[in-house]
Amino acid sequence: GRTHADTEPMIGMFVNTLALRNAPSADKRFIDFVHEVKARTLAAFEHQDYPFEELVEKLNVRRDRSRNPLFDTMLILQNMEQVSFDLADVDVRPVELSHPV
């Protein structure tokens, strides 16, 4: 979550929630939905530094302590060691990814 060079020497975890709206439907092919999610995610990263609390305030969303004001589901990427495993006739194994910067 450190998008600015001046935050590199700071100690602590930087987290900012990136809210995305995606709508799967029965008439949409899975691959088309995946491409749609990819496009929306890449576009959302353009605005990742916009403060979540300020977004909620600007949208004038009714606050309710029992739930998040903008989303119902949160997915979290956890970078952990990848292992191979089997799922009923499906061989699942890690794919090496290159992340050049």
N, C-alpha and C. Protein backbone atom coordinates (compact mmCIF):
# COMPACT_ATOMS: atom_id res chain seq x y z
N GLY A 1 0.79 -1.19 0.00
CA GLY A 1 0.00 0.00 0.00
C GLY A 1 0.84 1.27 0.00
N ARG A 2 2.11 1.15 -0.27
CA ARG A 2 2.97 2.34 -0.28
C ARG A 2 3.17 2.79 -1.72
N THR A 3 2.37 3.75 -2.11
CA THR A 3 2.42 4.21 -3.50
C THR A 3 3.30 5.43 -3.68
N HIS A 4 3.80 6.00 -2.58
CA HIS A 4 4.66 7.18 -2.65
C HIS A 4 6.02 6.87 -2.04
N ALA A 5 7.06 7.33 -2.67
CA ALA A 5 8.43 7.05 -2.22
C ALA A 5 8.68 7.58 -0.81
N ASP A 6 8.03 8.69 -0.42
CA ASP A 6 8.28 9.26 0.90
C ASP A 6 7.72 8.41 2.04
N THR A 7 6.92 7.39 1.74
CA THR A 7 6.39 6.52 2.80
C THR A 7 7.26 5.27 3.01
N GLU A 8 8.25 5.05 2.16
CA GLU A 8 9.08 3.85 2.26
C GLU A 8 9.77 3.69 3.62
N PRO A 9 10.34 4.74 4.22
CA PRO A 9 11.03 4.54 5.50
C PRO A 9 10.09 4.44 6.71
N MET A 10 8.80 4.65 6.51
CA MET A 10 7.85 4.62 7.63
C MET A 10 7.54 3.19 8.04
N ILE A 11 7.40 2.98 9.34
CA ILE A 11 7.08 1.67 9.89
C ILE A 11 5.57 1.54 10.00
N GLY A 12 5.06 0.37 9.65
CA GLY A 12 3.63 0.12 9.80
C GLY A 12 3.02 -0.40 8.51
N MET A 13 1.78 -0.82 8.63
CA MET A 13 1.07 -1.38 7.49
C MET A 13 0.18 -0.31 6.88
N PHE A 14 0.25 -0.15 5.57
CA PHE A 14 -0.58 0.80 4.86
C PHE A 14 -1.67 0.02 4.13
N VAL A 15 -2.92 0.29 4.46
CA VAL A 15 -4.04 -0.42 3.85
C VAL A 15 -5.08 0.60 3.41
N ASN A 16 -5.56 0.44 2.20
CA ASN A 16 -6.65 1.26 1.71
C ASN A 16 -7.59 0.35 0.95
N THR A 17 -8.86 0.40 1.29
CA THR A 17 -9.84 -0.45 0.63
C THR A 17 -10.16 0.11 -0.74
N LEU A 18 -10.16 -0.75 -1.74
CA LEU A 18 -10.48 -0.36 -3.11
C LEU A 18 -11.82 -1.01 -3.45
N ALA A 19 -12.89 -0.22 -3.39
CA ALA A 19 -14.24 -0.75 -3.64
C ALA A 19 -14.48 -0.87 -5.14
N LEU A 20 -14.94 -2.04 -5.57
CA LEU A 20 -15.24 -2.31 -6.98
C LEU A 20 -16.68 -2.81 -7.08
N ARG A 21 -17.38 -2.38 -8.11
CA ARG A 21 -18.73 -2.91 -8.33
C ARG A 21 -18.68 -3.83 -9.54
N ASN A 22 -19.00 -5.10 -9.30
CA ASN A 22 -19.06 -6.10 -10.37
C ASN A 22 -20.39 -6.82 -10.27
N ALA A 23 -20.97 -7.14 -11.41
CA ALA A 23 -22.30 -7.76 -11.42
C ALA A 23 -22.31 -9.01 -12.29
N PRO A 24 -22.06 -10.17 -11.69
CA PRO A 24 -22.17 -11.40 -12.48
C PRO A 24 -23.64 -11.68 -12.79
N SER A 25 -23.91 -12.30 -13.90
CA SER A 25 -25.29 -12.66 -14.24
C SER A 25 -25.29 -13.97 -15.02
N ALA A 26 -26.42 -14.63 -15.01
CA ALA A 26 -26.54 -15.95 -15.65
C ALA A 26 -26.34 -15.87 -17.16
N ASP A 27 -26.66 -14.74 -17.78
CA ASP A 27 -26.55 -14.63 -19.23
C ASP A 27 -25.16 -14.18 -19.69
N LYS A 28 -24.25 -13.95 -18.73
CA LYS A 28 -22.90 -13.49 -19.06
C LYS A 28 -21.94 -14.68 -19.01
N ARG A 29 -21.12 -14.83 -20.06
CA ARG A 29 -20.11 -15.90 -20.03
C ARG A 29 -19.08 -15.58 -18.95
N PHE A 30 -18.55 -16.63 -18.33
CA PHE A 30 -17.59 -16.45 -17.24
C PHE A 30 -16.37 -15.66 -17.71
N ILE A 31 -15.83 -16.00 -18.86
CA ILE A 31 -14.63 -15.32 -19.36
C ILE A 31 -14.92 -13.84 -19.62
N ASP A 32 -16.12 -13.52 -20.07
CA ASP A 32 -16.49 -12.12 -20.28
C ASP A 32 -16.55 -11.38 -18.94
N PHE A 33 -17.07 -12.06 -17.93
CA PHE A 33 -17.12 -11.46 -16.59
C PHE A 33 -15.71 -11.24 -16.05
N VAL A 34 -14.82 -12.19 -16.26
CA VAL A 34 -13.43 -12.05 -15.81
C VAL A 34 -12.78 -10.85 -16.48
N HIS A 35 -12.98 -10.69 -17.77
CA HIS A 35 -12.42 -9.53 -18.49
C HIS A 35 -13.01 -8.22 -17.96
N GLU A 36 -14.29 -8.24 -17.65
CA GLU A 36 -14.95 -7.05 -17.10
C GLU A 36 -14.36 -6.69 -15.73
N VAL A 37 -14.16 -7.69 -14.89
CA VAL A 37 -13.57 -7.46 -13.56
C VAL A 37 -12.14 -6.92 -13.72
N LYS A 38 -11.39 -7.49 -14.64
CA LYS A 38 -10.02 -7.03 -14.87
C LYS A 38 -10.01 -5.56 -15.28
N ALA A 39 -10.85 -5.19 -16.23
CA ALA A 39 -10.89 -3.80 -16.70
C ALA A 39 -11.29 -2.85 -15.58
N ARG A 40 -12.29 -3.22 -14.80
CA ARG A 40 -12.73 -2.35 -13.70
C ARG A 40 -11.66 -2.24 -12.61
N THR A 41 -10.96 -3.33 -12.35
CA THR A 41 -9.92 -3.31 -11.33
C THR A 41 -8.77 -2.41 -11.76
N LEU A 42 -8.32 -2.55 -13.01
CA LEU A 42 -7.23 -1.71 -13.49
C LEU A 42 -7.63 -0.24 -13.48
N ALA A 43 -8.87 0.06 -13.84
CA ALA A 43 -9.35 1.45 -13.81
C ALA A 43 -9.42 1.96 -12.37
N ALA A 44 -9.82 1.11 -11.45
CA ALA A 44 -9.93 1.52 -10.04
C ALA A 44 -8.58 1.84 -9.43
N PHE A 45 -7.54 1.15 -9.86
CA PHE A 45 -6.20 1.43 -9.32
C PHE A 45 -5.74 2.85 -9.66
N GLU A 46 -6.32 3.44 -10.70
CA GLU A 46 -5.99 4.83 -11.03
C GLU A 46 -6.41 5.77 -9.89
N HIS A 47 -7.38 5.34 -9.09
CA HIS A 47 -7.93 6.18 -8.02
C HIS A 47 -7.72 5.57 -6.64
N GLN A 48 -6.74 4.68 -6.51
CA GLN A 48 -6.55 3.95 -5.26
C GLN A 48 -6.14 4.84 -4.09
N ASP A 49 -5.61 6.00 -4.37
CA ASP A 49 -5.17 6.88 -3.28
C ASP A 49 -6.29 7.75 -2.73
N TYR A 50 -7.47 7.69 -3.35
CA TYR A 50 -8.60 8.47 -2.85
C TYR A 50 -9.05 7.85 -1.53
N PRO A 51 -9.11 8.62 -0.46
CA PRO A 51 -9.43 8.06 0.86
C PRO A 51 -10.84 7.46 0.92
N PHE A 52 -10.93 6.24 1.42
CA PHE A 52 -12.20 5.52 1.49
C PHE A 52 -13.24 6.31 2.29
N GLU A 53 -12.85 6.82 3.44
CA GLU A 53 -13.81 7.56 4.28
C GLU A 53 -14.32 8.80 3.57
N GLU A 54 -13.46 9.46 2.81
CA GLU A 54 -13.89 10.65 2.05
C GLU A 54 -14.87 10.25 0.95
N LEU A 55 -14.64 9.11 0.31
CA LEU A 55 -15.56 8.61 -0.71
C LEU A 55 -16.94 8.36 -0.12
N VAL A 56 -16.98 7.71 1.03
CA VAL A 56 -18.26 7.42 1.69
C VAL A 56 -18.97 8.73 2.03
N GLU A 57 -18.21 9.70 2.51
CA GLU A 57 -18.79 10.99 2.87
C GLU A 57 -19.35 11.70 1.63
N LYS A 58 -18.59 11.71 0.54
CA LYS A 58 -19.03 12.39 -0.70
C LYS A 58 -20.27 11.72 -1.29
N LEU A 59 -20.37 10.40 -1.15
CA LEU A 59 -21.53 9.67 -1.68
C LEU A 59 -22.77 9.84 -0.81
N ASN A 60 -22.57 10.39 0.38
CA ASN A 60 -23.67 10.63 1.32
C ASN A 60 -24.45 9.33 1.60
N VAL A 61 -23.70 8.27 1.88
CA VAL A 61 -24.29 6.96 2.15
C VAL A 61 -24.70 6.89 3.62
N ARG A 62 -25.89 6.30 3.85
CA ARG A 62 -26.35 6.14 5.23
C ARG A 62 -25.44 5.14 5.93
N ARG A 63 -24.90 5.54 7.07
CA ARG A 63 -23.98 4.68 7.82
C ARG A 63 -24.76 3.74 8.72
N ASP A 64 -24.31 2.49 8.78
CA ASP A 64 -24.91 1.46 9.62
C ASP A 64 -23.75 0.64 10.18
N ARG A 65 -23.60 0.63 11.50
CA ARG A 65 -22.45 -0.06 12.11
C ARG A 65 -22.45 -1.57 11.90
N SER A 66 -23.56 -2.13 11.44
CA SER A 66 -23.62 -3.58 11.26
C SER A 66 -23.07 -4.03 9.90
N ARG A 67 -22.74 -3.09 9.03
CA ARG A 67 -22.22 -3.47 7.72
C ARG A 67 -21.37 -2.36 7.13
N ASN A 68 -20.58 -2.71 6.10
CA ASN A 68 -19.76 -1.72 5.42
C ASN A 68 -20.67 -0.83 4.58
N PRO A 69 -20.38 0.45 4.47
CA PRO A 69 -21.26 1.35 3.73
C PRO A 69 -21.26 1.17 2.22
N LEU A 70 -20.21 0.57 1.64
CA LEU A 70 -20.14 0.47 0.18
C LEU A 70 -20.16 -0.94 -0.39
N PHE A 71 -19.84 -1.95 0.42
CA PHE A 71 -19.77 -3.28 -0.17
C PHE A 71 -20.19 -4.35 0.82
N ASP A 72 -20.58 -5.49 0.27
CA ASP A 72 -21.03 -6.62 1.07
C ASP A 72 -20.00 -7.73 1.14
N THR A 73 -19.09 -7.78 0.18
CA THR A 73 -18.09 -8.85 0.12
C THR A 73 -16.71 -8.24 -0.04
N MET A 74 -15.75 -8.78 0.72
CA MET A 74 -14.37 -8.30 0.59
C MET A 74 -13.47 -9.49 0.28
N LEU A 75 -12.67 -9.33 -0.76
CA LEU A 75 -11.68 -10.34 -1.12
C LEU A 75 -10.31 -9.78 -0.77
N ILE A 76 -9.48 -10.62 -0.22
CA ILE A 76 -8.16 -10.18 0.22
C ILE A 76 -7.10 -11.05 -0.43
N LEU A 77 -6.10 -10.42 -1.03
CA LEU A 77 -4.98 -11.15 -1.60
C LEU A 77 -3.96 -11.40 -0.51
N GLN A 78 -3.67 -12.65 -0.26
CA GLN A 78 -2.66 -13.03 0.73
C GLN A 78 -1.53 -13.70 -0.04
N ASN A 79 -0.39 -13.06 -0.08
CA ASN A 79 0.76 -13.64 -0.77
C ASN A 79 1.38 -14.71 0.12
N MET A 80 1.07 -15.97 -0.19
CA MET A 80 1.58 -17.09 0.60
C MET A 80 2.21 -18.09 -0.36
N GLU A 81 2.95 -19.02 0.21
CA GLU A 81 3.56 -20.05 -0.63
C GLU A 81 2.48 -20.83 -1.36
N GLN A 82 2.67 -21.01 -2.66
CA GLN A 82 1.70 -21.73 -3.47
C GLN A 82 2.06 -23.21 -3.50
N VAL A 83 1.07 -24.05 -3.37
CA VAL A 83 1.27 -25.50 -3.42
C VAL A 83 0.30 -26.11 -4.43
N SER A 84 0.66 -27.25 -4.96
CA SER A 84 -0.21 -27.98 -5.87
C SER A 84 -1.18 -28.82 -5.08
N PHE A 85 -2.39 -29.00 -5.63
CA PHE A 85 -3.36 -29.89 -5.01
C PHE A 85 -4.36 -30.33 -6.06
N ASP A 86 -5.16 -31.35 -5.72
CA ASP A 86 -6.14 -31.90 -6.66
C ASP A 86 -7.55 -31.61 -6.18
N LEU A 87 -8.41 -31.30 -7.14
CA LEU A 87 -9.84 -31.10 -6.88
C LEU A 87 -10.62 -31.96 -7.86
N ALA A 88 -11.16 -33.05 -7.43
CA ALA A 88 -12.03 -33.90 -8.25
C ALA A 88 -11.77 -33.78 -9.76
N ASP A 89 -10.79 -34.48 -10.23
CA ASP A 89 -10.43 -34.51 -11.66
C ASP A 89 -9.79 -33.23 -12.18
N VAL A 90 -9.38 -32.33 -11.29
CA VAL A 90 -8.72 -31.08 -11.72
C VAL A 90 -7.38 -30.99 -11.01
N ASP A 91 -6.34 -30.81 -11.79
CA ASP A 91 -5.00 -30.64 -11.23
C ASP A 91 -4.74 -29.15 -11.07
N VAL A 92 -4.57 -28.70 -9.84
CA VAL A 92 -4.32 -27.29 -9.56
C VAL A 92 -2.87 -27.13 -9.16
N ARG A 93 -2.17 -26.24 -9.86
CA ARG A 93 -0.76 -26.01 -9.54
C ARG A 93 -0.44 -24.54 -9.75
N PRO A 94 0.57 -24.05 -9.07
CA PRO A 94 0.92 -22.62 -9.19
C PRO A 94 1.47 -22.28 -10.56
N VAL A 95 1.26 -21.05 -10.95
CA VAL A 95 1.79 -20.52 -12.19
C VAL A 95 2.74 -19.40 -11.83
N GLU A 96 3.95 -19.46 -12.34
CA GLU A 96 4.92 -18.42 -12.06
C GLU A 96 4.51 -17.14 -12.78
N LEU A 97 4.48 -16.05 -12.05
CA LEU A 97 4.12 -14.75 -12.62
C LEU A 97 5.31 -13.80 -12.54
N SER A 98 5.45 -13.01 -13.55
CA SER A 98 6.50 -12.00 -13.57
C SER A 98 5.87 -10.65 -13.29
N HIS A 99 6.46 -9.88 -12.35
CA HIS A 99 5.95 -8.58 -11.99
C HIS A 99 7.02 -7.51 -12.22
N PRO A 100 7.35 -7.25 -13.49
CA PRO A 100 8.38 -6.24 -13.74
C PRO A 100 7.85 -4.85 -13.41
N VAL A 101 8.71 -4.03 -12.85
CA VAL A 101 8.31 -2.66 -12.50
C VAL A 101 9.21 -1.70 -13.25
